[in-house]
Amino acid sequence: MSSSKNMSGGILACENALQRLLEGKPVLSVHVGLDVSKITASIVSLEAGFDRGYLKKSRRAHLPILAKIESVRAEAGKGSNSSSAKKVQRLEDKVLLLEKELAMVRTQRDRVLTQNLQLWERVRELELAERQNKTRQVRLHH
């Protein structure tokens, strides 16, 4: 009799653990932020304070909660299409932003390269003028 009480207590603990996971309020830190589609029987067992293998299909009393877990996963799988669409949209937006940033950076690079070429040319002109001045000074002193 006490084993059936423990069993129902264990199932109740698993039910509570599943609810916490669905609400995003797990007790175990490793389950924080866990996607609903990733909830498994072993995760529910761990969250309930048992080992990974606590919930088993071979235990008749566990079948209802195992069915709930599968149902949750199936629903999350259906919703993943819209979730995937949102992820794709976010990534496309990010790509557009990065493309704009890249264009801006290329423009800045081209501007800096142009300035560097102009400076380089000016330095060459000044060096040439300095050599010509030294040559003139040498001729004047001789």
C-alpha atoms as a PDB file:
ATOM      1  CA  MET A   1       0.000   0.000   0.000  1.00  0.00           C
ATOM      2  CA  SER A   2       2.777   2.399   0.863  1.00  0.00           C
ATOM      3  CA  SER A   3       4.378   1.763  -2.531  1.00  0.00           C
ATOM      4  CA  SER A   4       1.199   2.936  -4.280  1.00  0.00           C
ATOM      5  CA  LYS A   5       1.233   6.046  -2.104  1.00  0.00           C
ATOM      6  CA  ASN A   6       4.883   6.615  -3.048  1.00  0.00           C
ATOM      7  CA  MET A   7       3.998   5.966  -6.679  1.00  0.00           C
ATOM      8  CA  SER A   8       1.168   8.501  -6.639  1.00  0.00           C
ATOM      9  CA  GLY A   9       3.415  10.900  -4.730  1.00  0.00           C
ATOM     10  CA  GLY A  10       6.081  10.418  -7.371  1.00  0.00           C
ATOM     11  CA  ILE A  11       3.591  10.986 -10.150  1.00  0.00           C
ATOM     12  CA  LEU A  12       2.309  14.088  -8.382  1.00  0.00           C
ATOM     13  CA  ALA A  13       5.892  15.341  -8.073  1.00  0.00           C
ATOM     14  CA  CYS A  14       6.358  14.715 -11.798  1.00  0.00           C
ATOM     15  CA  GLU A  15       3.087  16.488 -12.612  1.00  0.00           C
ATOM     16  CA  ASN A  16       4.265  19.498 -10.595  1.00  0.00           C
ATOM     17  CA  ALA A  17       7.671  19.360 -12.256  1.00  0.00           C
ATOM     18  CA  LEU A  18       6.064  19.283 -15.703  1.00  0.00           C
ATOM     19  CA  GLN A  19       3.920  22.275 -14.789  1.00  0.00           C
ATOM     20  CA  ARG A  20       6.964  24.216 -13.566  1.00  0.00           C
ATOM     21  CA  LEU A  21       8.792  23.431 -16.798  1.00  0.00           C
ATOM     22  CA  LEU A  22       5.816  24.575 -18.876  1.00  0.00           C
ATOM     23  CA  GLU A  23       5.576  27.806 -16.889  1.00  0.00           C
ATOM     24  CA  GLY A  24       9.314  28.402 -17.270  1.00  0.00           C
ATOM     25  CA  LYS A  25       9.836  28.233 -13.502  1.00  0.00           C
ATOM     26  CA  PRO A  26      11.983  25.136 -12.969  1.00  0.00           C
ATOM     27  CA  VAL A  27      13.728  24.353  -9.711  1.00  0.00           C
ATOM     28  CA  LEU A  28      16.893  23.028 -11.361  1.00  0.00           C
ATOM     29  CA  SER A  29      19.071  25.693 -12.929  1.00  0.00           C
ATOM     30  CA  VAL A  30      19.950  23.470 -15.899  1.00  0.00           C
ATOM     31  CA  HIS A  31      16.295  23.606 -16.938  1.00  0.00           C
ATOM     32  CA  VAL A  32      16.037  27.408 -16.912  1.00  0.00           C
ATOM     33  CA  GLY A  33      15.178  28.631 -20.391  1.00  0.00           C
ATOM     34  CA  LEU A  34      14.499  25.115 -21.649  1.00  0.00           C
ATOM     35  CA  ASP A  35      12.450  25.122 -24.837  1.00  0.00           C
ATOM     36  CA  VAL A  36       9.103  23.347 -24.369  1.00  0.00           C
ATOM     37  CA  SER A  37       9.856  21.142 -27.367  1.00  0.00           C
ATOM     38  CA  LYS A  38      12.878  19.752 -25.480  1.00  0.00           C
ATOM     39  CA  ILE A  39      10.904  18.502 -22.464  1.00  0.00           C
ATOM     40  CA  THR A  40      11.302  14.750 -22.068  1.00  0.00           C
ATOM     41  CA  ALA A  41      10.329  12.170 -19.479  1.00  0.00           C
ATOM     42  CA  SER A  42      13.893  12.131 -18.173  1.00  0.00           C
ATOM     43  CA  ILE A  43      13.933  15.922 -17.785  1.00  0.00           C
ATOM     44  CA  VAL A  44      10.608  15.821 -15.941  1.00  0.00           C
ATOM     45  CA  SER A  45      11.973  13.029 -13.713  1.00  0.00           C
ATOM     46  CA  LEU A  46      15.080  15.063 -12.874  1.00  0.00           C
ATOM     47  CA  GLU A  47      13.038  18.208 -12.240  1.00  0.00           C
ATOM     48  CA  ALA A  48      10.835  16.168  -9.884  1.00  0.00           C
ATOM     49  CA  GLY A  49      13.897  15.070  -7.921  1.00  0.00           C
ATOM     50  CA  PHE A  50      14.219  11.550  -9.311  1.00  0.00           C
ATOM     51  CA  ASP A  51      16.794   9.954 -11.592  1.00  0.00           C
ATOM     52  CA  ARG A  52      16.436  10.153 -15.373  1.00  0.00           C
ATOM     53  CA  GLY A  53      14.808   6.754 -15.648  1.00  0.00           C
ATOM     54  CA  TYR A  54      12.051   7.240 -13.090  1.00  0.00           C
ATOM     55  CA  LEU A  55       9.188   7.605 -15.556  1.00  0.00           C
ATOM     56  CA  LYS A  56       8.765   4.412 -17.575  1.00  0.00           C
ATOM     57  CA  LYS A  57       6.260   3.254 -20.179  1.00  0.00           C
ATOM     58  CA  SER A  58       6.262  -0.151 -18.526  1.00  0.00           C
ATOM     59  CA  ARG A  59       4.672   1.348 -15.395  1.00  0.00           C
ATOM     60  CA  ARG A  60       0.959   1.651 -15.998  1.00  0.00           C
ATOM     61  CA  ALA A  61       0.576   4.508 -13.514  1.00  0.00           C
ATOM     62  CA  HIS A  62       3.144   6.555 -15.483  1.00  0.00           C
ATOM     63  CA  LEU A  63       1.349   6.327 -18.816  1.00  0.00           C
ATOM     64  CA  PRO A  64      -0.893   9.394 -18.292  1.00  0.00           C
ATOM     65  CA  ILE A  65       1.986  11.770 -17.509  1.00  0.00           C
ATOM     66  CA  LEU A  66       4.079  10.277 -20.309  1.00  0.00           C
ATOM     67  CA  ALA A  67       1.163  10.979 -22.645  1.00  0.00           C
ATOM     68  CA  LYS A  68       1.033  14.582 -21.383  1.00  0.00           C
ATOM     69  CA  ILE A  69       4.748  14.990 -22.032  1.00  0.00           C
ATOM     70  CA  GLU A  70       4.369  13.637 -25.569  1.00  0.00           C
ATOM     71  CA  SER A  71       1.376  15.903 -26.113  1.00  0.00           C
ATOM     72  CA  VAL A  72       3.361  18.939 -24.969  1.00  0.00           C
ATOM     73  CA  ARG A  73       6.197  18.009 -27.327  1.00  0.00           C
ATOM     74  CA  ALA A  74       3.779  17.468 -30.223  1.00  0.00           C
ATOM     75  CA  GLU A  75       2.126  20.855 -29.641  1.00  0.00           C
ATOM     76  CA  ALA A  76       5.507  22.534 -29.410  1.00  0.00           C
ATOM     77  CA  GLY A  77       6.444  20.823 -32.669  1.00  0.00           C
ATOM     78  CA  LYS A  78       3.372  22.246 -34.382  1.00  0.00           C
ATOM     79  CA  GLY A  79       4.133  25.695 -33.079  1.00  0.00           C
ATOM     80  CA  SER A  80       7.752  25.403 -34.159  1.00  0.00           C
ATOM     81  CA  ASN A  81       6.785  26.298 -37.715  1.00  0.00           C
ATOM     82  CA  SER A  82       5.687  29.739 -36.612  1.00  0.00           C
ATOM     83  CA  SER A  83       8.627  29.828 -34.227  1.00  0.00           C
ATOM     84  CA  SER A  84      10.929  28.896 -37.098  1.00  0.00           C
ATOM     85  CA  ALA A  85       9.330  31.558 -39.248  1.00  0.00           C
ATOM     86  CA  LYS A  86      10.005  34.113 -36.505  1.00  0.00           C
ATOM     87  CA  LYS A  87      13.610  32.932 -36.238  1.00  0.00           C
ATOM     88  CA  VAL A  88      14.028  33.185 -40.000  1.00  0.00           C
ATOM     89  CA  GLN A  89      12.550  36.690 -39.983  1.00  0.00           C
ATOM     90  CA  ARG A  90      14.863  37.751 -37.158  1.00  0.00           C
ATOM     91  CA  LEU A  91      17.851  36.344 -39.032  1.00  0.00           C
ATOM     92  CA  GLU A  92      16.798  38.070 -42.261  1.00  0.00           C
ATOM     93  CA  ASP A  93      16.462  41.356 -40.380  1.00  0.00           C
ATOM     94  CA  LYS A  94      19.889  40.814 -38.891  1.00  0.00           C
ATOM     95  CA  VAL A  95      21.338  40.125 -42.358  1.00  0.00           C
ATOM     96  CA  LEU A  96      19.833  43.365 -43.695  1.00  0.00           C
ATOM     97  CA  LEU A  97      21.280  45.296 -40.777  1.00  0.00           C
ATOM     98  CA  LEU A  98      24.690  43.711 -41.321  1.00  0.00           C
ATOM     99  CA  GLU A  99      24.549  44.464 -45.053  1.00  0.00           C
ATOM    100  CA  LYS A 100      23.845  48.130 -44.291  1.00  0.00           C
ATOM    101  CA  GLU A 101      26.682  48.192 -41.784  1.00  0.00           C
ATOM    102  CA  LEU A 102      28.992  46.544 -44.315  1.00  0.00           C
ATOM    103  CA  ALA A 103      28.130  49.146 -46.960  1.00  0.00           C
ATOM    104  CA  MET A 104      28.837  51.941 -44.475  1.00  0.00           C
ATOM    105  CA  VAL A 105      32.157  50.388 -43.442  1.00  0.00           C
ATOM    106  CA  ARG A 106      33.177  49.934 -47.086  1.00  0.00           C
ATOM    107  CA  THR A 107      32.418  53.592 -47.756  1.00  0.00           C
ATOM    108  CA  GLN A 108      34.533  54.607 -44.759  1.00  0.00           C
ATOM    109  CA  ARG A 109      37.342  52.317 -45.899  1.00  0.00           C
ATOM    110  CA  ASP A 110      37.289  53.781 -49.417  1.00  0.00           C
ATOM    111  CA  ARG A 111      37.369  57.310 -48.008  1.00  0.00           C
ATOM    112  CA  VAL A 112      40.337  56.481 -45.782  1.00  0.00           C
ATOM    113  CA  LEU A 113      42.165  54.770 -48.645  1.00  0.00           C
ATOM    114  CA  THR A 114      41.630  57.823 -50.841  1.00  0.00           C
ATOM    115  CA  GLN A 115      42.970  60.086 -48.091  1.00  0.00           C
ATOM    116  CA  ASN A 116      45.973  57.796 -47.606  1.00  0.00           C
ATOM    117  CA  LEU A 117      46.741  57.855 -51.322  1.00  0.00           C
ATOM    118  CA  GLN A 118      46.477  61.649 -51.362  1.00  0.00           C
ATOM    119  CA  LEU A 119      48.778  61.885 -48.339  1.00  0.00           C
ATOM    120  CA  TRP A 120      51.241  59.466 -49.901  1.00  0.00           C
ATOM    121  CA  GLU A 121      51.291  61.520 -53.094  1.00  0.00           C
ATOM    122  CA  ARG A 122      51.827  64.737 -51.106  1.00  0.00           C
ATOM    123  CA  VAL A 123      54.702  63.140 -49.178  1.00  0.00           C
ATOM    124  CA  ARG A 124      56.322  62.122 -52.493  1.00  0.00           C
ATOM    125  CA  GLU A 125      55.950  65.669 -53.795  1.00  0.00           C
ATOM    126  CA  LEU A 126      57.501  67.118 -50.638  1.00  0.00           C
ATOM    127  CA  GLU A 127      60.379  64.626 -50.702  1.00  0.00           C
ATOM    128  CA  LEU A 128      61.026  65.474 -54.363  1.00  0.00           C
ATOM    129  CA  ALA A 129      60.938  69.202 -53.598  1.00  0.00           C
ATOM    130  CA  GLU A 130      63.316  68.696 -50.673  1.00  0.00           C
ATOM    131  CA  ARG A 131      65.782  66.785 -52.882  1.00  0.00           C
ATOM    132  CA  GLN A 132      65.605  69.534 -55.487  1.00  0.00           C
ATOM    133  CA  ASN A 133      66.233  72.172 -52.796  1.00  0.00           C
ATOM    134  CA  LYS A 134      69.252  70.254 -51.504  1.00  0.00           C
ATOM    135  CA  THR A 135      70.559  69.954 -55.040  1.00  0.00           C
ATOM    136  CA  ARG A 136      70.134  73.729 -55.569  1.00  0.00           C
ATOM    137  CA  GLN A 137      71.842  74.470 -52.262  1.00  0.00           C
ATOM    138  CA  VAL A 138      74.779  72.256 -53.157  1.00  0.00           C
ATOM    139  CA  ARG A 139      75.112  73.998 -56.534  1.00  0.00           C
ATOM    140  CA  LEU A 140      74.917  77.421 -54.917  1.00  0.00           C
ATOM    141  CA  HIS A 141      77.642  76.629 -52.388  1.00  0.00           C
ATOM    142  CA  HIS A 142      80.051  75.241 -54.990  1.00  0.00           C
END
